[in-house]
Each structure stands twice: as structure tokens, then as C-alpha cells.
Amino acid sequence: MEHFREKTPPADKTEEEAPAPEEAADQKVIEQPKKPVKASAWFEGEEEDGYWEETFKSWTDSKPKGPESISLDVTFPGHQHVYGIPQHAAPLSLPTTTGPDSFFDDPYRLWNLDVFEHEASSTMSLYGSIPLMHAHSDKSTVGIFNAVASETWIDVSHPKPDSTLTHWISESGILDVFLLPGPTPEDIFAQYARLTGAPVLPPLWSLAYHQCRWNYISSEDVREVQKAFDDNEMPVDVLWLDIEYSEDHKYFMWKDKTFPDPVEMIEDVAAIGRKMVAIVDPHLKRDHNYPAYKEAMDLDILVKSSNNNNYEGWCWPGSSAWVDFFNPAAWTWWQGLFSLKDKEGVKWRWEKSTKNLFIWNDMNEPSVFNGPEITMQKDNIHYGGWEHRDVHNLNGMLY
């Protein structure tokens, strides 16, 4: 484990005085002093490559805290199968990544990414990351929950046919590991739920048939789709709207030209016992005439760049800013945007909405079109001074 190593300042170089002319013939060759042995070279390498700054394509990570890492090995004796650490397009029983005849060549990666086209049968990252692993045998099931939110890589091997060895390494964080003793799969899930809380019970209608595509372009388009389902006697319970309902992708604002009657449209859908869902993303168009952006900027609840200015990236609206949901003030303000009626403390809200409109939270990896790997720079700053590298895999859970 390593945190906050200080960078060694370069040694001061002093110029040696030139020998006097009469002494020039007596010059001696002075041997270069031997380079001190670096005790950590066996795992860090001889050179300090990328310790204090790292470049990936056109992006530079300033690494203000220098090199960090935390790792641990977890062995599951007598358990030949391990499961979990989602999301990966890999077999349910996780294949080996190291050792003789390993199935994969790379470790499993946990780093939330907006992946448009993922590889089949791969250890590459997908949309979510949960550092929870179960080990199973015919005798018992045990587990480990490694509560770290930074980029994490996990190797899996079988040193013996009936046991599993796992190696976890994360870029930053603290050692905060929970052992789940089981001994049954049901016990493991109960123990994990006591740590993190149980999921919210979904409404019954969420289990029905949903109709969603990019994109329904007008309120009349929505009505025609609903009518076509009914005319063809096809059941449908929920209709979804993607980003094109909004004016210039300014969420909470309907595009008046194509959605002139949003409340009536929602009620037309609800009148038949159906629900409507509309998308809202965590980025805000950088436009001072957009009330949501203007308020977020005034409240100082936006994610910062490493220079402590409001971070600017590119997403559906073009130039965008991101709400920092690690800031408690952001939660209160964000909730107010969904208020169905005026209330104290809420300056601006989504007025053309009803209780029958539900929300689709998307793009919360976070997705940044012009960022490294289509996400946010690691040295961005969140509330409390936390770097994005420290909290990346938690971002979607707060939005």
C-alpha cells in the first residue's frame, strides 16, 4: 500500500572550476558515481516512468499525489469456482487470467465506462463495477467485498485444482475489505445486503413490456406508436423518451416545436393505465440562458478540473458541465428540479411534468465524449478535495 509519496527534488548542479593552465596536463579521469540501488525496482521498475505525470493520447494526468496503489491477495482454499465482480462479458464462473493455460491474458478490470461496442468473452470494463466476489464449492460459499472505488484489476488463478487464488490491485484507496463467511449463497446475499442495504423493490409495472428507442421525435409520434400497439392488440405498459424531447438537449425543458403539449401527452398515455419515462443525464449544457446550468454554477456544485475551474467536457448538448453529486448541496438542489409544484427554496423546476412521468438516469459512468476512454479525467476534483480517480466507480450510485 502506498499513498502520498513526495517527489524528490532534483539535485543542485554546481559548476566545477576549470583547472589552471599549468595543471591541465595533470588532469585525472574521475569515475561517475555509482547509481544507488533502488530497493523497489523489482515491482516499480528502474525508472520513475509515469510516477508524477502520465500522458494517454491527448490527455495528461497531473497525479498531484504522486504514485499510489493498494493490493491484496485473497485465496479461497477448497473453492474451485469464483463468481461476481460485474460487469464483464465473461462466463458466469470466472475463468483464469494468469497461470498455465489461462483462459484470458489480461486481469478483470473494474472501471465504469460507456462502452458502445464491447468485446464478447472479455475482461474489459463495462458500465458498472461492483468489487464483490463469491467463491463456491459443493460444500460452502464464501465471499469478499473490497470497498474501493478507484480503478481495480483482478487476476484469477487455480494453484490447485480445488482452490482459487485472486490478486487485487487498485490505483488508490484504503484497505476496507469485508469477508462474507456464508456458508450458503443465500447467506452471502444477506450478509452483503446488511453491509450495503437492500435494493429498492421495483414497482410492478417496471416488470412489464417497455417500448424504448432512440428516438421518438414528437408528441404525435408517441401517440401514433401507442395507437399502433393497440390496433395490433400488442401489450405495452411503458413508453420511453430519449434525449430528443429536450430543447437543445437541455434536460427539464421540452422542445416546444415537436412536443407542444407534453402534459397532455403524458396524461393520454396514463389514461390507458400506462406509464411514461423520460431521460435526464448528469451533464448540463454550458449556456447561461439555461436555468439549470446557471443555478448549478451559482451554487458552485459542478465538478472541477485539476486547476479548480469548473470542468468542461463534451456530451450530447455539446460543451457541458457535470453536477458534482458528491456535494450534499447538489442533492437538495437536484431534487427540487423535479418538484411538481412551487415550494420554498426551489427557484426553477420542471414545470411541464406530472406524477405519471418517471425518470431514466443515464450516462452516469460518467460519460464524456472527448474524455479519456469516453469518461472523466482522473485528476478532476470533487467536493471535499477528492480526485475523480478515488471515487470514479461510485459516481453512478450517487446519480
Protein backbone atom coordinates (compact mmCIF):
# COMPACT_ATOMS: atom_id res chain seq x y z
CA MET A 1 0.00 0.00 0.00
CA GLU A 2 1.36 3.43 -0.84
CA HIS A 3 -0.04 6.95 -0.60
CA PHE A 4 1.29 10.48 -0.91
CA ARG A 5 4.92 9.85 -1.80
CA GLU A 6 6.74 13.16 -2.08
CA LYS A 7 8.65 13.85 -5.24
CA THR A 8 12.40 14.01 -4.70
CA PRO A 9 13.65 17.42 -5.85
CA PRO A 10 16.43 17.33 -8.45
CA ALA A 11 19.90 17.67 -7.04
CA ASP A 12 21.52 21.08 -7.38
CA LYS A 13 24.24 21.08 -10.01
CA THR A 14 27.33 23.21 -9.31
CA GLU A 15 29.82 24.03 -11.97
CA GLU A 16 33.39 22.93 -11.21
CA GLU A 17 36.15 25.44 -11.64
CA ALA A 18 38.28 24.91 -14.74
CA PRO A 19 41.84 23.80 -13.92
CA ALA A 20 44.63 26.32 -14.23
CA PRO A 21 46.62 26.04 -17.50
CA GLU A 22 49.70 24.69 -15.78
CA GLU A 23 47.62 21.96 -14.12
CA ALA A 24 45.87 20.83 -17.31
CA ALA A 25 48.45 18.15 -18.06
CA ASP A 26 47.84 16.56 -14.68
CA GLN A 27 44.06 16.09 -15.07
CA LYS A 28 42.68 12.79 -13.82
CA VAL A 29 39.60 10.95 -15.05
CA ILE A 30 37.02 11.00 -12.29
CA GLU A 31 34.68 7.99 -12.32
CA GLN A 32 30.94 8.63 -12.45
CA PRO A 33 29.44 7.87 -9.04
CA LYS A 34 27.52 4.63 -8.98
CA LYS A 35 23.76 4.88 -9.11
CA PRO A 36 22.25 3.87 -5.78
CA VAL A 37 20.42 0.57 -5.72
CA LYS A 38 16.64 1.02 -5.89
CA ALA A 39 15.09 -1.48 -3.47
CA SER A 40 11.63 -1.24 -5.07
CA ALA A 41 12.82 -1.81 -8.65
CA TRP A 42 11.56 -5.39 -8.63
CA PHE A 43 7.96 -4.18 -8.88
CA GLU A 44 8.21 -0.49 -9.86
CA GLY A 45 10.96 -0.67 -12.48
CA GLU A 46 14.26 1.16 -12.51
CA GLU A 47 12.90 4.42 -13.93
CA GLU A 48 10.19 6.64 -12.49
CA ASP A 49 8.01 6.29 -15.57
CA GLY A 50 4.61 7.95 -15.09
CA TYR A 51 5.02 8.43 -11.33
CA TRP A 52 4.31 12.15 -11.21
CA GLU A 53 2.57 12.75 -14.54
CA GLU A 54 1.16 10.42 -17.16
CA THR A 55 0.04 11.03 -20.73
CA PHE A 56 -2.63 8.99 -22.52
CA LYS A 57 -3.14 10.08 -26.14
CA SER A 58 -4.02 13.80 -25.87
CA TRP A 59 -4.75 13.81 -22.11
CA THR A 60 -2.33 14.36 -19.27
CA ASP A 61 -2.96 13.12 -15.72
CA SER A 62 -1.19 15.51 -13.33
CA LYS A 63 -1.06 12.95 -10.46
CA PRO A 64 -0.80 15.59 -7.69
CA LYS A 65 -0.35 12.88 -5.03
CA GLY A 66 2.29 11.02 -6.99
CA PRO A 67 2.26 7.23 -7.35
CA GLU A 68 -0.40 5.40 -5.35
CA SER A 69 -1.50 1.79 -5.14
CA ILE A 70 -3.13 -0.75 -2.88
CA SER A 71 -3.17 -4.50 -3.44
CA LEU A 72 -4.01 -7.74 -1.69
CA ASP A 73 -4.14 -11.45 -2.41
CA VAL A 74 -7.17 -13.50 -1.41
CA THR A 75 -7.04 -17.29 -1.54
CA PHE A 76 -10.15 -19.47 -1.45
CA PRO A 77 -8.94 -22.97 -0.38
CA GLY A 78 -11.29 -25.75 -1.38
CA HIS A 79 -13.33 -23.47 -3.70
CA GLN A 80 -12.72 -24.07 -7.38
CA HIS A 81 -15.26 -21.55 -8.76
CA VAL A 82 -15.46 -17.76 -8.30
CA TYR A 83 -18.28 -15.50 -9.47
CA GLY A 84 -19.14 -11.82 -9.46
CA ILE A 85 -17.04 -8.61 -9.89
CA PRO A 86 -19.51 -7.35 -12.53
CA GLN A 87 -19.76 -6.07 -15.21
CA HIS A 88 -17.85 -8.17 -17.74
CA ALA A 89 -18.87 -10.08 -20.84
CA ALA A 90 -17.33 -13.24 -19.42
CA PRO A 91 -18.60 -16.69 -18.34
CA LEU A 92 -20.53 -16.84 -15.07
CA SER A 93 -17.82 -18.96 -13.41
CA LEU A 94 -14.89 -16.57 -13.90
CA PRO A 95 -12.09 -18.14 -15.97
CA THR A 96 -8.42 -17.77 -15.08
CA THR A 97 -6.37 -14.75 -16.15
CA THR A 98 -2.91 -15.96 -15.14
CA GLY A 99 -1.05 -19.20 -14.64
CA PRO A 100 -0.52 -22.15 -17.00
CA ASP A 101 -3.06 -22.30 -19.85
CA SER A 102 -5.01 -19.29 -18.51
CA PHE A 103 -8.27 -18.58 -20.33
CA PHE A 104 -7.71 -14.79 -20.52
CA ASP A 105 -4.43 -12.89 -20.93
CA ASP A 106 -5.50 -9.77 -19.01
CA PRO A 107 -6.93 -9.33 -15.50
CA TYR A 108 -10.55 -8.33 -14.96
CA ARG A 109 -10.86 -4.57 -14.89
CA LEU A 110 -13.27 -2.53 -12.73
CA TRP A 111 -13.59 0.99 -14.19
CA ASN A 112 -17.03 2.26 -15.26
CA LEU A 113 -17.09 3.08 -18.97
CA ASP A 114 -19.72 4.00 -21.56
CA VAL A 115 -18.90 1.14 -23.93
CA PHE A 116 -20.70 1.42 -27.27
CA GLU A 117 -19.49 -1.94 -28.60
CA HIS A 118 -17.94 -4.37 -26.12
CA GLU A 119 -15.93 -7.47 -26.88
CA ALA A 120 -17.60 -10.82 -26.33
CA SER A 121 -15.82 -13.03 -23.80
CA SER A 122 -13.52 -10.38 -22.40
CA THR A 123 -12.18 -8.92 -19.15
CA MET A 124 -12.73 -5.34 -20.39
CA SER A 125 -14.74 -2.87 -18.32
CA LEU A 126 -18.41 -2.18 -18.94
CA TYR A 127 -20.94 0.27 -17.49
CA GLY A 128 -20.77 -0.69 -13.82
CA SER A 129 -18.25 -2.05 -11.33
CA ILE A 130 -19.01 -3.91 -8.10
CA PRO A 131 -15.98 -5.29 -6.20
CA LEU A 132 -17.88 -8.28 -4.81
CA MET A 133 -16.68 -11.85 -5.41
CA HIS A 134 -18.25 -15.17 -4.40
CA ALA A 135 -16.28 -18.43 -4.14
CA HIS A 136 -18.28 -21.64 -4.40
CA SER A 137 -17.80 -25.36 -3.90
CA ASP A 138 -20.10 -28.28 -3.24
CA LYS A 139 -19.51 -27.75 0.49
CA SER A 140 -19.84 -23.99 1.01
CA THR A 141 -19.97 -20.48 -0.46
CA VAL A 142 -17.90 -17.59 0.87
CA GLY A 143 -17.28 -14.06 -0.40
CA ILE A 144 -15.23 -10.89 -0.28
CA PHE A 145 -16.37 -7.28 -0.68
CA ASN A 146 -13.45 -4.93 -1.36
CA ALA A 147 -14.90 -1.45 -0.76
CA VAL A 148 -12.71 0.58 -3.10
CA ALA A 149 -13.93 2.92 -5.88
CA SER A 150 -10.75 3.53 -7.88
CA GLU A 151 -9.58 1.63 -10.96
CA THR A 152 -9.08 -2.00 -9.94
CA TRP A 153 -7.61 -5.04 -11.69
CA ILE A 154 -8.20 -8.63 -10.53
CA ASP A 155 -6.25 -11.74 -11.52
CA VAL A 156 -7.74 -15.22 -11.02
CA SER A 157 -5.74 -18.47 -10.97
CA HIS A 158 -6.00 -22.03 -9.69
CA PRO A 159 -2.76 -23.04 -7.92
CA LYS A 160 -4.51 -26.30 -7.06
CA PRO A 161 -7.47 -27.89 -8.87
CA ASP A 162 -9.75 -27.36 -5.86
CA SER A 163 -8.68 -23.82 -4.85
CA THR A 164 -8.66 -20.30 -6.27
CA LEU A 165 -6.12 -17.52 -5.82
CA THR A 166 -7.11 -13.92 -6.60
CA HIS A 167 -4.87 -10.85 -6.76
CA TRP A 168 -6.47 -7.40 -6.44
CA ILE A 169 -4.67 -4.13 -7.20
CA SER A 170 -6.27 -0.67 -7.09
CA GLU A 171 -4.87 2.71 -8.03
CA SER A 172 -5.89 4.44 -4.78
CA GLY A 173 -7.99 3.94 -1.68
CA ILE A 174 -7.68 2.35 1.75
CA LEU A 175 -7.79 -1.26 2.85
CA ASP A 176 -11.51 -1.69 3.58
CA VAL A 177 -12.28 -5.38 3.00
CA PHE A 178 -15.28 -7.35 4.26
CA LEU A 179 -15.20 -11.14 4.48
CA LEU A 180 -18.55 -12.84 3.92
CA PRO A 181 -18.44 -16.25 5.63
CA GLY A 182 -21.61 -17.68 4.10
CA PRO A 183 -21.81 -20.66 4.24
CA THR A 184 -24.63 -20.70 1.63
CA PRO A 185 -25.31 -18.46 -1.40
CA GLU A 186 -28.43 -17.18 0.38
CA ASP A 187 -26.33 -16.24 3.43
CA ILE A 188 -23.81 -14.40 1.24
CA PHE A 189 -26.50 -12.20 -0.31
CA ALA A 190 -28.00 -11.47 3.12
CA GLN A 191 -24.58 -10.56 4.56
CA TYR A 192 -23.84 -8.28 1.60
CA ALA A 193 -27.25 -6.60 1.89
CA ARG A 194 -26.60 -5.87 5.58
CA LEU A 195 -23.43 -4.03 4.53
CA THR A 196 -24.79 -2.02 1.62
CA GLY A 197 -28.55 -2.00 2.12
CA ALA A 198 -31.13 -3.97 0.20
CA PRO A 199 -32.22 -2.77 -3.26
CA VAL A 200 -35.49 -0.88 -3.56
CA LEU A 201 -38.39 -3.13 -4.51
CA PRO A 202 -39.22 -2.23 -8.13
CA PRO A 203 -42.80 -1.17 -8.94
CA LEU A 204 -44.90 -3.91 -10.51
CA TRP A 205 -45.25 -2.04 -13.80
CA SER A 206 -41.47 -2.00 -14.26
CA LEU A 207 -41.61 -5.75 -14.88
CA ALA A 208 -43.97 -5.35 -17.84
CA TYR A 209 -43.21 -4.69 -21.52
CA HIS A 210 -41.36 -1.41 -22.20
CA GLN A 211 -41.05 0.33 -25.57
CA CYS A 212 -37.91 2.43 -25.99
CA ARG A 213 -35.73 3.56 -28.87
CA TRP A 214 -33.60 6.50 -29.95
CA ASN A 215 -35.71 8.36 -30.69
CA TYR A 216 -39.41 9.28 -30.65
CA ILE A 217 -39.34 12.73 -32.16
CA SER A 218 -42.68 14.33 -31.24
CA SER A 219 -45.77 14.02 -29.07
CA GLU A 220 -47.70 12.88 -32.14
CA ASP A 221 -45.08 10.20 -32.75
CA VAL A 222 -45.71 8.90 -29.21
CA ARG A 223 -49.48 8.84 -29.75
CA GLU A 224 -49.10 7.02 -33.08
CA VAL A 225 -46.86 4.37 -31.53
CA GLN A 226 -49.33 3.82 -28.70
CA LYS A 227 -52.21 3.57 -31.18
CA ALA A 228 -50.30 1.08 -33.35
CA PHE A 229 -49.77 -1.21 -30.36
CA ASP A 230 -53.47 -1.08 -29.55
CA ASP A 231 -54.59 -1.54 -33.17
CA ASN A 232 -52.42 -4.65 -33.43
CA GLU A 233 -53.50 -5.90 -30.00
CA MET A 234 -49.94 -5.92 -28.72
CA PRO A 235 -49.47 -5.28 -24.97
CA VAL A 236 -47.27 -2.39 -23.89
CA ASP A 237 -47.09 -0.83 -20.44
CA VAL A 238 -44.34 1.81 -20.58
CA LEU A 239 -43.20 4.27 -23.26
CA TRP A 240 -39.74 5.82 -23.00
CA LEU A 241 -38.40 9.12 -24.36
CA ASP A 242 -34.73 9.59 -25.17
CA ILE A 243 -32.83 12.90 -25.40
CA GLU A 244 -34.66 14.42 -28.38
CA TYR A 245 -37.64 15.50 -26.27
CA SER A 246 -35.48 18.28 -24.80
CA GLU A 247 -34.70 21.69 -26.28
CA ASP A 248 -31.06 21.57 -27.48
CA HIS A 249 -30.56 18.71 -25.01
CA LYS A 250 -31.31 20.97 -22.08
CA TYR A 251 -32.96 18.49 -19.74
CA PHE A 252 -36.13 19.60 -17.91
CA MET A 253 -37.06 21.75 -20.95
CA TRP A 254 -39.38 20.33 -23.61
CA LYS A 255 -38.77 21.06 -27.28
CA ASP A 256 -41.84 23.22 -27.90
CA LYS A 257 -41.82 22.76 -31.68
CA THR A 258 -42.18 18.97 -31.57
CA PHE A 259 -43.58 18.48 -28.04
CA PRO A 260 -46.03 21.41 -27.73
CA ASP A 261 -48.33 19.60 -25.27
CA PRO A 262 -46.16 17.39 -23.02
CA VAL A 263 -48.56 17.29 -20.07
CA GLU A 264 -51.48 16.28 -22.29
CA MET A 265 -49.28 13.64 -23.99
CA ILE A 266 -48.29 12.14 -20.64
CA GLU A 267 -51.90 12.08 -19.47
CA ASP A 268 -53.03 10.46 -22.75
CA VAL A 269 -50.59 7.63 -22.02
CA ALA A 270 -51.62 7.42 -18.36
CA ALA A 271 -55.33 7.36 -19.21
CA ILE A 272 -54.92 3.81 -20.58
CA GLY A 273 -53.06 2.69 -17.45
CA ARG A 274 -49.59 3.13 -18.94
CA LYS A 275 -46.51 4.98 -17.70
CA MET A 276 -44.05 7.31 -19.43
CA VAL A 277 -40.31 7.58 -18.76
CA ALA A 278 -38.06 10.46 -19.88
CA ILE A 279 -34.28 10.55 -19.83
CA VAL A 280 -32.25 13.02 -17.74
CA ASP A 281 -28.44 12.99 -17.91
CA PRO A 282 -26.00 14.37 -15.29
CA HIS A 283 -24.32 16.82 -17.69
CA LEU A 284 -25.68 20.32 -18.27
CA LYS A 285 -25.33 22.38 -21.43
CA ARG A 286 -22.99 25.30 -20.77
CA ASP A 287 -25.46 28.02 -21.64
CA HIS A 288 -26.10 30.95 -19.28
CA ASN A 289 -29.69 31.12 -20.58
CA TYR A 290 -30.27 27.56 -19.34
CA PRO A 291 -31.61 27.93 -15.76
CA ALA A 292 -30.32 24.55 -14.56
CA TYR A 293 -26.74 25.34 -15.59
CA LYS A 294 -26.90 28.90 -14.30
CA GLU A 295 -28.17 27.77 -10.87
CA ALA A 296 -25.61 24.96 -10.59
CA MET A 297 -22.83 27.38 -11.41
CA ASP A 298 -24.08 29.97 -8.90
CA LEU A 299 -24.33 27.30 -6.19
CA ASP A 300 -20.80 26.07 -7.01
CA ILE A 301 -21.88 22.42 -7.26
CA LEU A 302 -20.11 21.49 -10.50
CA VAL A 303 -17.16 19.12 -10.89
CA LYS A 304 -13.81 20.96 -11.06
CA SER A 305 -10.80 20.46 -13.30
CA SER A 306 -7.38 19.96 -11.74
CA ASN A 307 -6.89 23.76 -11.93
CA ASN A 308 -10.02 24.18 -9.75
CA ASN A 309 -12.08 25.78 -12.54
CA ASN A 310 -15.45 24.28 -13.50
CA TYR A 311 -14.76 21.24 -15.67
CA GLU A 312 -15.78 21.47 -19.33
CA GLY A 313 -16.33 18.37 -21.45
CA TRP A 314 -18.31 17.33 -24.50
CA CYS A 315 -21.54 15.34 -24.48
CA TRP A 316 -24.96 15.36 -26.19
CA PRO A 317 -25.54 19.13 -25.75
CA GLY A 318 -22.02 19.98 -26.94
CA SER A 319 -19.96 21.92 -24.38
CA SER A 320 -21.15 20.63 -20.98
CA ALA A 321 -20.57 20.77 -17.24
CA TRP A 322 -21.19 17.97 -14.73
CA VAL A 323 -23.09 18.22 -11.46
CA ASP A 324 -20.94 17.01 -8.55
CA PHE A 325 -23.25 14.63 -6.70
CA PHE A 326 -20.61 14.10 -4.02
CA ASN A 327 -21.61 17.59 -2.85
CA PRO A 328 -24.60 17.32 -0.43
CA ALA A 329 -25.91 20.68 -1.66
CA ALA A 330 -26.23 19.20 -5.16
CA TRP A 331 -28.70 16.57 -3.94
CA THR A 332 -31.07 19.11 -2.40
CA TRP A 333 -30.95 21.30 -5.49
CA TRP A 334 -31.35 18.39 -7.93
CA GLN A 335 -34.40 17.04 -6.11
CA GLY A 336 -36.02 20.47 -6.35
CA LEU A 337 -35.82 20.39 -10.16
CA PHE A 338 -38.35 17.54 -10.16
CA SER A 339 -40.87 19.27 -7.90
CA LEU A 340 -44.42 19.11 -9.26
CA LYS A 341 -45.36 22.42 -7.64
CA ASP A 342 -43.68 25.56 -6.39
CA LYS A 343 -42.08 25.24 -2.99
CA GLU A 344 -39.75 27.18 -0.77
CA GLY A 345 -36.11 27.12 -1.82
CA VAL A 346 -36.83 25.97 -5.39
CA LYS A 347 -36.17 28.78 -7.89
CA TRP A 348 -36.68 26.81 -11.09
CA ARG A 349 -38.15 23.38 -11.78
CA TRP A 350 -39.51 21.09 -14.47
CA GLU A 351 -42.91 22.71 -14.69
CA LYS A 352 -44.40 20.67 -17.55
CA SER A 353 -44.40 17.36 -15.73
CA THR A 354 -46.85 15.14 -13.86
CA LYS A 355 -46.83 12.32 -11.31
CA ASN A 356 -47.12 9.89 -14.22
CA LEU A 357 -43.72 10.85 -15.66
CA PHE A 358 -40.82 8.75 -14.40
CA ILE A 359 -37.10 9.36 -14.82
CA TRP A 360 -34.37 7.46 -16.64
CA ASN A 361 -30.91 8.26 -15.20
CA ASP A 362 -28.30 7.66 -17.88
CA MET A 363 -24.69 8.48 -18.84
CA ASN A 364 -23.58 8.31 -15.20
CA GLU A 365 -20.31 6.38 -15.67
CA PRO A 366 -19.75 9.41 -16.18
CA SER A 367 -19.76 9.51 -19.98
CA VAL A 368 -17.66 12.30 -21.54
CA PHE A 369 -17.35 12.11 -25.31
CA ASN A 370 -13.99 13.89 -25.52
CA GLY A 371 -12.50 12.41 -22.33
CA PRO A 372 -10.00 9.58 -21.92
CA GLU A 373 -11.81 6.30 -22.67
CA ILE A 374 -15.01 8.36 -23.03
CA THR A 375 -15.02 9.32 -19.36
CA MET A 376 -13.74 11.99 -16.98
CA GLN A 377 -10.09 12.83 -16.30
CA LYS A 378 -8.73 11.16 -13.19
CA ASP A 379 -7.34 14.39 -11.73
CA ASN A 380 -10.68 16.21 -11.77
CA ILE A 381 -11.74 17.40 -8.32
CA HIS A 382 -14.94 16.58 -6.41
CA TYR A 383 -16.41 18.02 -3.23
CA GLY A 384 -14.07 17.67 -0.26
CA GLY A 385 -10.97 17.66 -2.47
CA TRP A 386 -11.36 14.08 -3.66
CA GLU A 387 -9.82 13.33 -7.01
CA HIS A 388 -12.02 11.63 -9.56
CA ARG A 389 -9.62 8.65 -9.61
CA ASP A 390 -10.60 7.94 -5.96
CA VAL A 391 -14.38 7.87 -6.46
CA HIS A 392 -15.00 7.07 -10.15
CA ASN A 393 -16.79 3.74 -9.64
CA LEU A 394 -19.14 5.34 -7.07
CA ASN A 395 -20.29 8.14 -9.36
CA GLY A 396 -23.24 6.29 -10.86
CA MET A 397 -24.53 5.24 -7.44
CA LEU A 398 -24.98 8.87 -6.40
CA TYR A 399 -26.89 9.90 -9.51
